[in-house]
């Protein structure tokens, strides 16, 4: 669905889809704050929004270990996207 890739939970089509899924699941099965957040803000909460709320611009540098992890994840994603990745092979993090 293009709307989910371009607008995410802020796109009305995606929000309506999520509303329908949560209506199907029922009130008892929903995480308690999810509906309240949707009603108060108009959008569903996202991990991205939570991270951005806590992000401090003065913490803009990655440690060497953090950079290594990011590069390893990027390499693994590239391998998966190109079809070179097999589930039984461990990812190379070097």
PDB file of N, CA and C in Angstrom:
ATOM      1  N   UNK A   1       0.848  -1.164   0.000  1.00  0.00           N
ATOM      2  CA  UNK A   1       0.000   0.000   0.000  1.00  0.00           C
ATOM      3  C   UNK A   1       0.901   1.236   0.000  1.00  0.00           C
ATOM      4  N   UNK A   2       0.791   2.024  -1.031  1.00  0.00           N
ATOM      5  CA  UNK A   2       1.629   3.214  -1.187  1.00  0.00           C
ATOM      6  C   UNK A   2       1.451   4.192  -0.023  1.00  0.00           C
ATOM      7  N   UNK A   3       0.225   4.342   0.452  1.00  0.00           N
ATOM      8  CA  UNK A   3      -0.043   5.300   1.533  1.00  0.00           C
ATOM      9  C   UNK A   3       0.760   4.974   2.789  1.00  0.00           C
ATOM     10  N   UNK A   4       0.929   3.695   3.085  1.00  0.00           N
ATOM     11  CA  UNK A   4       1.681   3.325   4.289  1.00  0.00           C
ATOM     12  C   UNK A   4       3.163   3.646   4.140  1.00  0.00           C
ATOM     13  N   UNK A   5       3.689   3.530   2.919  1.00  0.00           N
ATOM     14  CA  UNK A   5       5.104   3.808   2.690  1.00  0.00           C
ATOM     15  C   UNK A   5       5.384   5.304   2.644  1.00  0.00           C
ATOM     16  N   UNK A   6       4.429   6.079   2.159  1.00  0.00           N
ATOM     17  CA  UNK A   6       4.677   7.510   2.003  1.00  0.00           C
ATOM     18  C   UNK A   6       4.159   8.352   3.156  1.00  0.00           C
ATOM     19  N   UNK A   7       3.009   8.015   3.700  1.00  0.00           N
ATOM     20  CA  UNK A   7       2.424   8.840   4.758  1.00  0.00           C
ATOM     21  C   UNK A   7       2.412   8.187   6.120  1.00  0.00           C
ATOM     22  N   UNK A   8       2.558   6.865   6.143  1.00  0.00           N
ATOM     23  CA  UNK A   8       2.537   6.156   7.419  1.00  0.00           C
ATOM     24  C   UNK A   8       1.220   6.347   8.145  1.00  0.00           C
ATOM     25  N   UNK A   9       1.286   6.354   9.463  1.00  0.00           N
ATOM     26  CA  UNK A   9       0.062   6.452  10.265  1.00  0.00           C
ATOM     27  C   UNK A   9      -0.610   7.811  10.140  1.00  0.00           C
ATOM     28  N   UNK A  10       0.078   8.782   9.533  1.00  0.00           N
ATOM     29  CA  UNK A  10      -0.526  10.102   9.348  1.00  0.00           C
ATOM     30  C   UNK A  10      -1.450  10.147   8.135  1.00  0.00           C
ATOM     31  N   UNK A  11      -1.359   9.167   7.263  1.00  0.00           N
ATOM     32  CA  UNK A  11      -2.217   9.112   6.089  1.00  0.00           C
ATOM     33  C   UNK A  11      -3.615   8.643   6.516  1.00  0.00           C
ATOM     34  N   UNK A  12      -4.668   9.344   6.108  1.00  0.00           N
ATOM     35  CA  UNK A  12      -6.028   8.962   6.513  1.00  0.00           C
ATOM     36  C   UNK A  12      -6.410   7.539   6.104  1.00  0.00           C
ATOM     37  N   UNK A  13      -5.910   7.075   4.969  1.00  0.00           N
ATOM     38  CA  UNK A  13      -6.209   5.716   4.516  1.00  0.00           C
ATOM     39  C   UNK A  13      -5.618   4.686   5.470  1.00  0.00           C
ATOM     40  N   UNK A  14      -4.385   4.918   5.891  1.00  0.00           N
ATOM     41  CA  UNK A  14      -3.717   4.001   6.815  1.00  0.00           C
ATOM     42  C   UNK A  14      -4.390   4.054   8.181  1.00  0.00           C
ATOM     43  N   UNK A  15      -4.719   5.251   8.647  1.00  0.00           N
ATOM     44  CA  UNK A  15      -5.392   5.388   9.941  1.00  0.00           C
ATOM     45  C   UNK A  15      -6.738   4.657   9.935  1.00  0.00           C
ATOM     46  N   UNK A  16      -7.477   4.779   8.843  1.00  0.00           N
ATOM     47  CA  UNK A  16      -8.764   4.078   8.739  1.00  0.00           C
ATOM     48  C   UNK A  16      -8.565   2.566   8.756  1.00  0.00           C
ATOM     49  N   UNK A  17      -7.513   2.108   8.095  1.00  0.00           N
ATOM     50  CA  UNK A  17      -7.205   0.684   8.085  1.00  0.00           C
ATOM     51  C   UNK A  17      -6.873   0.195   9.501  1.00  0.00           C
ATOM     52  N   UNK A  18      -6.040   0.951  10.203  1.00  0.00           N
ATOM     53  CA  UNK A  18      -5.705   0.583  11.585  1.00  0.00           C
ATOM     54  C   UNK A  18      -6.938   0.619  12.479  1.00  0.00           C
ATOM     55  N   UNK A  19      -7.792   1.628  12.274  1.00  0.00           N
ATOM     56  CA  UNK A  19      -9.051   1.693  13.037  1.00  0.00           C
ATOM     57  C   UNK A  19      -9.869   0.422  12.830  1.00  0.00           C
ATOM     58  N   UNK A  20      -9.962  -0.040  11.577  1.00  0.00           N
ATOM     59  CA  UNK A  20     -10.775  -1.218  11.288  1.00  0.00           C
ATOM     60  C   UNK A  20     -10.175  -2.477  11.919  1.00  0.00           C
ATOM     61  N   UNK A  21      -8.844  -2.579  11.911  1.00  0.00           N
ATOM     62  CA  UNK A  21      -8.200  -3.736  12.553  1.00  0.00           C
ATOM     63  C   UNK A  21      -8.468  -3.733  14.046  1.00  0.00           C
ATOM     64  N   UNK A  22      -8.310  -2.569  14.670  1.00  0.00           N
ATOM     65  CA  UNK A  22      -8.537  -2.494  16.118  1.00  0.00           C
ATOM     66  C   UNK A  22     -10.000  -2.706  16.473  1.00  0.00           C
ATOM     67  N   UNK A  23     -10.916  -2.277  15.612  1.00  0.00           N
ATOM     68  CA  UNK A  23     -12.336  -2.544  15.857  1.00  0.00           C
ATOM     69  C   UNK A  23     -12.614  -4.041  15.775  1.00  0.00           C
ATOM     70  N   UNK A  24     -11.962  -4.711  14.844  1.00  0.00           N
ATOM     71  CA  UNK A  24     -12.123  -6.151  14.699  1.00  0.00           C
ATOM     72  C   UNK A  24     -11.567  -6.892  15.911  1.00  0.00           C
ATOM     73  N   UNK A  25     -10.424  -6.450  16.408  1.00  0.00           N
ATOM     74  CA  UNK A  25      -9.776  -7.104  17.551  1.00  0.00           C
ATOM     75  C   UNK A  25     -10.626  -6.968  18.803  1.00  0.00           C
ATOM     76  N   UNK A  26     -11.222  -5.817  18.998  1.00  0.00           N
ATOM     77  CA  UNK A  26     -12.046  -5.594  20.172  1.00  0.00           C
ATOM     78  C   UNK A  26     -11.315  -4.803  21.243  1.00  0.00           C
ATOM     79  N   UNK A  27     -12.076  -4.132  22.073  1.00  0.00           N
ATOM     80  CA  UNK A  27     -11.508  -3.239  23.084  1.00  0.00           C
ATOM     81  C   UNK A  27     -10.639  -3.950  24.112  1.00  0.00           C
ATOM     82  N   UNK A  28     -10.982  -5.170  24.470  1.00  0.00           N
ATOM     83  CA  UNK A  28     -10.245  -5.881  25.513  1.00  0.00           C
ATOM     84  C   UNK A  28      -8.825  -6.239  25.085  1.00  0.00           C
ATOM     85  N   UNK A  29      -8.602  -6.416  23.783  1.00  0.00           N
ATOM     86  CA  UNK A  29      -7.308  -6.855  23.276  1.00  0.00           C
ATOM     87  C   UNK A  29      -6.368  -5.706  22.917  1.00  0.00           C
ATOM     88  N   UNK A  30      -6.866  -4.485  22.880  1.00  0.00           N
ATOM     89  CA  UNK A  30      -6.044  -3.334  22.489  1.00  0.00           C
ATOM     90  C   UNK A  30      -5.112  -2.914  23.616  1.00  0.00           C
ATOM     91  N   UNK A  31      -3.936  -2.434  23.259  1.00  0.00           N
ATOM     92  CA  UNK A  31      -3.108  -1.799  24.287  1.00  0.00           C
ATOM     93  C   UNK A  31      -3.866  -0.595  24.839  1.00  0.00           C
ATOM     94  N   UNK A  32      -3.888  -0.411  26.152  1.00  0.00           N
ATOM     95  CA  UNK A  32      -4.755   0.595  26.778  1.00  0.00           C
ATOM     96  C   UNK A  32      -4.569   2.029  26.268  1.00  0.00           C
ATOM     97  N   UNK A  33      -3.342   2.446  26.005  1.00  0.00           N
ATOM     98  CA  UNK A  33      -3.127   3.832  25.622  1.00  0.00           C
ATOM     99  C   UNK A  33      -3.296   4.116  24.143  1.00  0.00           C
ATOM    100  N   UNK A  34      -3.430   3.075  23.338  1.00  0.00           N
ATOM    101  CA  UNK A  34      -3.465   3.251  21.889  1.00  0.00           C
ATOM    102  C   UNK A  34      -4.666   4.071  21.431  1.00  0.00           C
ATOM    103  N   UNK A  35      -5.841   3.679  21.837  1.00  0.00           N
ATOM    104  CA  UNK A  35      -7.068   4.395  21.428  1.00  0.00           C
ATOM    105  C   UNK A  35      -7.079   5.805  22.010  1.00  0.00           C
ATOM    106  N   UNK A  36      -6.637   5.944  23.258  1.00  0.00           N
ATOM    107  CA  UNK A  36      -6.623   7.266  23.896  1.00  0.00           C
ATOM    108  C   UNK A  36      -5.700   8.210  23.126  1.00  0.00           C
ATOM    109  N   UNK A  37      -4.540   7.714  22.728  1.00  0.00           N
ATOM    110  CA  UNK A  37      -3.600   8.546  21.960  1.00  0.00           C
ATOM    111  C   UNK A  37      -4.214   8.938  20.624  1.00  0.00           C
ATOM    112  N   UNK A  38      -4.860   7.993  19.963  1.00  0.00           N
ATOM    113  CA  UNK A  38      -5.493   8.259  18.667  1.00  0.00           C
ATOM    114  C   UNK A  38      -6.583   9.316  18.816  1.00  0.00           C
ATOM    115  N   UNK A  39      -7.393   9.215  19.871  1.00  0.00           N
ATOM    116  CA  UNK A  39      -8.479  10.168  20.060  1.00  0.00           C
ATOM    117  C   UNK A  39      -7.968  11.551  20.445  1.00  0.00           C
ATOM    118  N   UNK A  40      -6.920  11.609  21.241  1.00  0.00           N
ATOM    119  CA  UNK A  40      -6.426  12.911  21.694  1.00  0.00           C
ATOM    120  C   UNK A  40      -5.574  13.622  20.646  1.00  0.00           C
ATOM    121  N   UNK A  41      -4.778  12.864  19.878  1.00  0.00           N
ATOM    122  CA  UNK A  41      -3.864  13.506  18.924  1.00  0.00           C
ATOM    123  C   UNK A  41      -4.316  13.392  17.473  1.00  0.00           C
ATOM    124  N   UNK A  42      -5.201  12.453  17.205  1.00  0.00           N
ATOM    125  CA  UNK A  42      -5.653  12.240  15.830  1.00  0.00           C
ATOM    126  C   UNK A  42      -4.824  11.244  15.049  1.00  0.00           C
ATOM    127  N   UNK A  43      -3.703  10.787  15.612  1.00  0.00           N
ATOM    128  CA  UNK A  43      -2.849   9.806  14.937  1.00  0.00           C
ATOM    129  C   UNK A  43      -2.475   8.703  15.922  1.00  0.00           C
ATOM    130  N   UNK A  44      -2.019   7.597  15.372  1.00  0.00           N
ATOM    131  CA  UNK A  44      -1.523   6.515  16.203  1.00  0.00           C
ATOM    132  C   UNK A  44      -0.077   6.804  16.605  1.00  0.00           C
ATOM    133  N   UNK A  45       0.322   6.388  17.788  1.00  0.00           N
ATOM    134  CA  UNK A  45       1.712   6.599  18.203  1.00  0.00           C
ATOM    135  C   UNK A  45       2.638   5.699  17.400  1.00  0.00           C
ATOM    136  N   UNK A  46       3.858   6.180  17.175  1.00  0.00           N
ATOM    137  CA  UNK A  46       4.842   5.383  16.453  1.00  0.00           C
ATOM    138  C   UNK A  46       6.143   5.351  17.245  1.00  0.00           C
ATOM    139  N   UNK A  47       6.936   4.351  16.977  1.00  0.00           N
ATOM    140  CA  UNK A  47       8.253   4.269  17.604  1.00  0.00           C
ATOM    141  C   UNK A  47       9.109   5.449  17.157  1.00  0.00           C
ATOM    142  N   UNK A  48       8.987   5.822  15.886  1.00  0.00           N
ATOM    143  CA  UNK A  48       9.751   6.957  15.370  1.00  0.00           C
ATOM    144  C   UNK A  48       9.443   8.228  16.152  1.00  0.00           C
ATOM    145  N   UNK A  49       8.155   8.498  16.391  1.00  0.00           N
ATOM    146  CA  UNK A  49       7.775   9.705  17.133  1.00  0.00           C
ATOM    147  C   UNK A  49       8.333   9.670  18.551  1.00  0.00           C
ATOM    148  N   UNK A  50       8.293   8.497  19.178  1.00  0.00           N
ATOM    149  CA  UNK A  50       8.817   8.359  20.538  1.00  0.00           C
ATOM    150  C   UNK A  50      10.321   8.635  20.570  1.00  0.00           C
ATOM    151  N   UNK A  51      11.042   8.115  19.599  1.00  0.00           N
ATOM    152  CA  UNK A  51      12.487   8.345  19.539  1.00  0.00           C
ATOM    153  C   UNK A  51      12.777   9.831  19.314  1.00  0.00           C
ATOM    154  N   UNK A  52      12.043  10.453  18.396  1.00  0.00           N
ATOM    155  CA  UNK A  52      12.273  11.858  18.103  1.00  0.00           C
ATOM    156  C   UNK A  52      11.960  12.753  19.298  1.00  0.00           C
ATOM    157  N   UNK A  53      10.978  12.375  20.112  1.00  0.00           N
ATOM    158  CA  UNK A  53      10.668  13.143  21.319  1.00  0.00           C
ATOM    159  C   UNK A  53      11.832  13.117  22.303  1.00  0.00           C
ATOM    160  N   UNK A  54      12.520  11.993  22.361  1.00  0.00           N
ATOM    161  CA  UNK A  54      13.617  11.844  23.321  1.00  0.00           C
ATOM    162  C   UNK A  54      14.977  12.244  22.758  1.00  0.00           C
ATOM    163  N   UNK A  55      15.040  12.490  21.441  1.00  0.00           N
ATOM    164  CA  UNK A  55      16.307  12.808  20.796  1.00  0.00           C
ATOM    165  C   UNK A  55      16.784  14.194  21.213  1.00  0.00           C
ATOM    166  N   UNK A  56      18.031  14.279  21.582  1.00  0.00           N
ATOM    167  CA  UNK A  56      18.636  15.563  21.917  1.00  0.00           C
ATOM    168  C   UNK A  56      19.684  15.863  20.854  1.00  0.00           C
ATOM    169  N   UNK A  57      19.589  17.021  20.195  1.00  0.00           N
ATOM    170  CA  UNK A  57      20.541  17.341  19.122  1.00  0.00           C
ATOM    171  C   UNK A  57      22.005  17.278  19.550  1.00  0.00           C
ATOM    172  N   UNK A  58      22.302  17.495  20.819  1.00  0.00           N
ATOM    173  CA  UNK A  58      23.695  17.440  21.244  1.00  0.00           C
ATOM    174  C   UNK A  58      24.221  16.006  21.299  1.00  0.00           C
ATOM    175  N   UNK A  59      23.342  15.014  21.140  1.00  0.00           N
ATOM    176  CA  UNK A  59      23.746  13.608  21.109  1.00  0.00           C
ATOM    177  C   UNK A  59      23.816  13.108  19.671  1.00  0.00           C
ATOM    178  N   UNK A  60      24.300  13.923  18.755  1.00  0.00           N
ATOM    179  CA  UNK A  60      24.206  13.588  17.341  1.00  0.00           C
ATOM    180  C   UNK A  60      25.328  12.679  16.842  1.00  0.00           C
ATOM    181  N   UNK A  61      26.249  12.276  17.689  1.00  0.00           N
ATOM    182  CA  UNK A  61      27.349  11.423  17.252  1.00  0.00           C
ATOM    183  C   UNK A  61      27.120   9.976  17.677  1.00  0.00           C
ATOM    184  N   UNK A  62      27.380   9.073  16.759  1.00  0.00           N
ATOM    185  CA  UNK A  62      27.320   7.653  17.068  1.00  0.00           C
ATOM    186  C   UNK A  62      28.666   7.201  17.621  1.00  0.00           C
ATOM    187  N   UNK A  63      28.622   6.296  18.563  1.00  0.00           N
ATOM    188  CA  UNK A  63      29.867   5.700  19.030  1.00  0.00           C
ATOM    189  C   UNK A  63      30.393   4.776  17.934  1.00  0.00           C
ATOM    190  N   UNK A  64      31.628   4.348  18.068  1.00  0.00           N
ATOM    191  CA  UNK A  64      32.195   3.427  17.081  1.00  0.00           C
ATOM    192  C   UNK A  64      31.391   2.127  17.050  1.00  0.00           C
ATOM    193  N   UNK A  65      30.986   1.659  18.216  1.00  0.00           N
ATOM    194  CA  UNK A  65      30.175   0.433  18.294  1.00  0.00           C
ATOM    195  C   UNK A  65      28.815   0.652  17.633  1.00  0.00           C
ATOM    196  N   UNK A  66      28.190   1.805  17.870  1.00  0.00           N
ATOM    197  CA  UNK A  66      26.906   2.111  17.252  1.00  0.00           C
ATOM    198  C   UNK A  66      27.010   2.144  15.740  1.00  0.00           C
ATOM    199  N   UNK A  67      28.066   2.772  15.235  1.00  0.00           N
ATOM    200  CA  UNK A  67      28.286   2.832  13.797  1.00  0.00           C
ATOM    201  C   UNK A  67      28.501   1.440  13.219  1.00  0.00           C
ATOM    202  N   UNK A  68      29.245   0.586  13.925  1.00  0.00           N
ATOM    203  CA  UNK A  68      29.474  -0.783  13.476  1.00  0.00           C
ATOM    204  C   UNK A  68      28.149  -1.542  13.364  1.00  0.00           C
ATOM    205  N   UNK A  69      27.262  -1.365  14.344  1.00  0.00           N
ATOM    206  CA  UNK A  69      25.961  -2.042  14.325  1.00  0.00           C
ATOM    207  C   UNK A  69      25.096  -1.547  13.164  1.00  0.00           C
ATOM    208  N   UNK A  70      25.114  -0.242  12.930  1.00  0.00           N
ATOM    209  CA  UNK A  70      24.340   0.318  11.822  1.00  0.00           C
ATOM    210  C   UNK A  70      24.845  -0.229  10.490  1.00  0.00           C
ATOM    211  N   UNK A  71      26.155  -0.243  10.321  1.00  0.00           N
ATOM    212  CA  UNK A  71      26.722  -0.759   9.069  1.00  0.00           C
ATOM    213  C   UNK A  71      26.415  -2.241   8.874  1.00  0.00           C
ATOM    214  N   UNK A  72      26.476  -3.010   9.951  1.00  0.00           N
ATOM    215  CA  UNK A  72      26.149  -4.439   9.856  1.00  0.00           C
ATOM    216  C   UNK A  72      24.690  -4.628   9.459  1.00  0.00           C
ATOM    217  N   UNK A  73      23.795  -3.828  10.040  1.00  0.00           N
ATOM    218  CA  UNK A  73      22.376  -3.927   9.694  1.00  0.00           C
ATOM    219  C   UNK A  73      22.145  -3.535   8.237  1.00  0.00           C
ATOM    220  N   UNK A  74      22.833  -2.496   7.780  1.00  0.00           N
ATOM    221  CA  UNK A  74      22.706  -2.079   6.380  1.00  0.00           C
ATOM    222  C   UNK A  74      23.212  -3.164   5.433  1.00  0.00           C
ATOM    223  N   UNK A  75      24.327  -3.788   5.774  1.00  0.00           N
ATOM    224  CA  UNK A  75      24.864  -4.865   4.942  1.00  0.00           C
ATOM    225  C   UNK A  75      23.903  -6.043   4.889  1.00  0.00           C
ATOM    226  N   UNK A  76      23.317  -6.384   6.023  1.00  0.00           N
ATOM    227  CA  UNK A  76      22.359  -7.496   6.059  1.00  0.00           C
ATOM    228  C   UNK A  76      21.116  -7.172   5.234  1.00  0.00           C
ATOM    229  N   UNK A  77      20.615  -5.938   5.358  1.00  0.00           N
ATOM    230  CA  UNK A  77      19.455  -5.533   4.573  1.00  0.00           C
ATOM    231  C   UNK A  77      19.763  -5.580   3.078  1.00  0.00           C
ATOM    232  N   UNK A  78      20.934  -5.111   2.706  1.00  0.00           N
ATOM    233  CA  UNK A  78      21.330  -5.150   1.296  1.00  0.00           C
ATOM    234  C   UNK A  78      21.400  -6.591   0.790  1.00  0.00           C
ATOM    235  N   UNK A  79      21.951  -7.492   1.611  1.00  0.00           N
ATOM    236  CA  UNK A  79      22.026  -8.902   1.227  1.00  0.00           C
ATOM    237  C   UNK A  79      20.638  -9.509   1.086  1.00  0.00           C
ATOM    238  N   UNK A  80      19.743  -9.180   2.004  1.00  0.00           N
ATOM    239  CA  UNK A  80      18.377  -9.696   1.932  1.00  0.00           C
ATOM    240  C   UNK A  80      17.671  -9.176   0.685  1.00  0.00           C
ATOM    241  N   UNK A  81      17.860  -7.899   0.390  1.00  0.00           N
ATOM    242  CA  UNK A  81      17.187  -7.298  -0.758  1.00  0.00           C
ATOM    243  C   UNK A  81      17.708  -7.849  -2.076  1.00  0.00           C
ATOM    244  N   UNK A  82      18.968  -8.230  -2.100  1.00  0.00           N
ATOM    245  CA  UNK A  82      19.539  -8.743  -3.339  1.00  0.00           C
ATOM    246  C   UNK A  82      19.392 -10.256  -3.470  1.00  0.00           C
ATOM    247  N   UNK A  83      18.833 -10.917  -2.452  1.00  0.00           N
ATOM    248  CA  UNK A  83      18.613 -12.352  -2.517  1.00  0.00           C
ATOM    249  C   UNK A  83      19.823 -13.180  -2.142  1.00  0.00           C
ATOM    250  N   UNK A  84      20.869 -12.550  -1.637  1.00  0.00           N
ATOM    251  CA  UNK A  84      22.077 -13.289  -1.268  1.00  0.00           C
ATOM    252  C   UNK A  84      22.019 -13.831   0.161  1.00  0.00           C
ATOM    253  N   UNK A  85      21.009 -13.468   0.896  1.00  0.00           N
ATOM    254  CA  UNK A  85      20.917 -13.833   2.308  1.00  0.00           C
ATOM    255  C   UNK A  85      20.140 -15.133   2.457  1.00  0.00           C
ATOM    256  N   UNK A  86      20.674 -16.027   3.274  1.00  0.00           N
ATOM    257  CA  UNK A  86      19.943 -17.257   3.612  1.00  0.00           C
ATOM    258  C   UNK A  86      19.679 -17.239   5.094  1.00  0.00           C
ATOM    259  N   UNK A  87      18.489 -17.666   5.492  1.00  0.00           N
ATOM    260  CA  UNK A  87      18.090 -17.618   6.895  1.00  0.00           C
ATOM    261  C   UNK A  87      18.976 -18.456   7.796  1.00  0.00           C
ATOM    262  N   UNK A  88      19.626 -19.498   7.290  1.00  0.00           N
ATOM    263  CA  UNK A  88      20.439 -20.362   8.141  1.00  0.00           C
ATOM    264  C   UNK A  88      21.882 -19.847   8.291  1.00  0.00           C
ATOM    265  N   UNK A  89      22.215 -18.749   7.600  1.00  0.00           N
ATOM    266  CA  UNK A  89      23.554 -18.178   7.714  1.00  0.00           C
ATOM    267  C   UNK A  89      23.527 -17.025   8.714  1.00  0.00           C
ATOM    268  N   UNK A  90      24.467 -16.987   9.646  1.00  0.00           N
ATOM    269  CA  UNK A  90      24.529 -15.853  10.560  1.00  0.00           C
ATOM    270  C   UNK A  90      24.990 -14.612   9.800  1.00  0.00           C
ATOM    271  N   UNK A  91      24.505 -13.450  10.232  1.00  0.00           N
ATOM    272  CA  UNK A  91      24.918 -12.192   9.590  1.00  0.00           C
ATOM    273  C   UNK A  91      26.349 -11.878   9.987  1.00  0.00           C
ATOM    274  N   UNK A  92      27.125 -11.380   9.046  1.00  0.00           N
ATOM    275  CA  UNK A  92      28.514 -10.992   9.308  1.00  0.00           C
ATOM    276  C   UNK A  92      28.510  -9.575   9.839  1.00  0.00           C
ATOM    277  N   UNK A  93      28.905  -9.400  11.097  1.00  0.00           N
ATOM    278  CA  UNK A  93      28.880  -8.091  11.739  1.00  0.00           C
ATOM    279  C   UNK A  93      30.242  -7.438  11.768  1.00  0.00           C
ATOM    280  N   UNK A  94      31.208  -7.935  10.974  1.00  0.00           N
ATOM    281  CA  UNK A  94      32.537  -7.330  11.005  1.00  0.00           C
ATOM    282  C   UNK A  94      32.667  -6.196  10.026  1.00  0.00           C
TER     283      UNK A  94
END
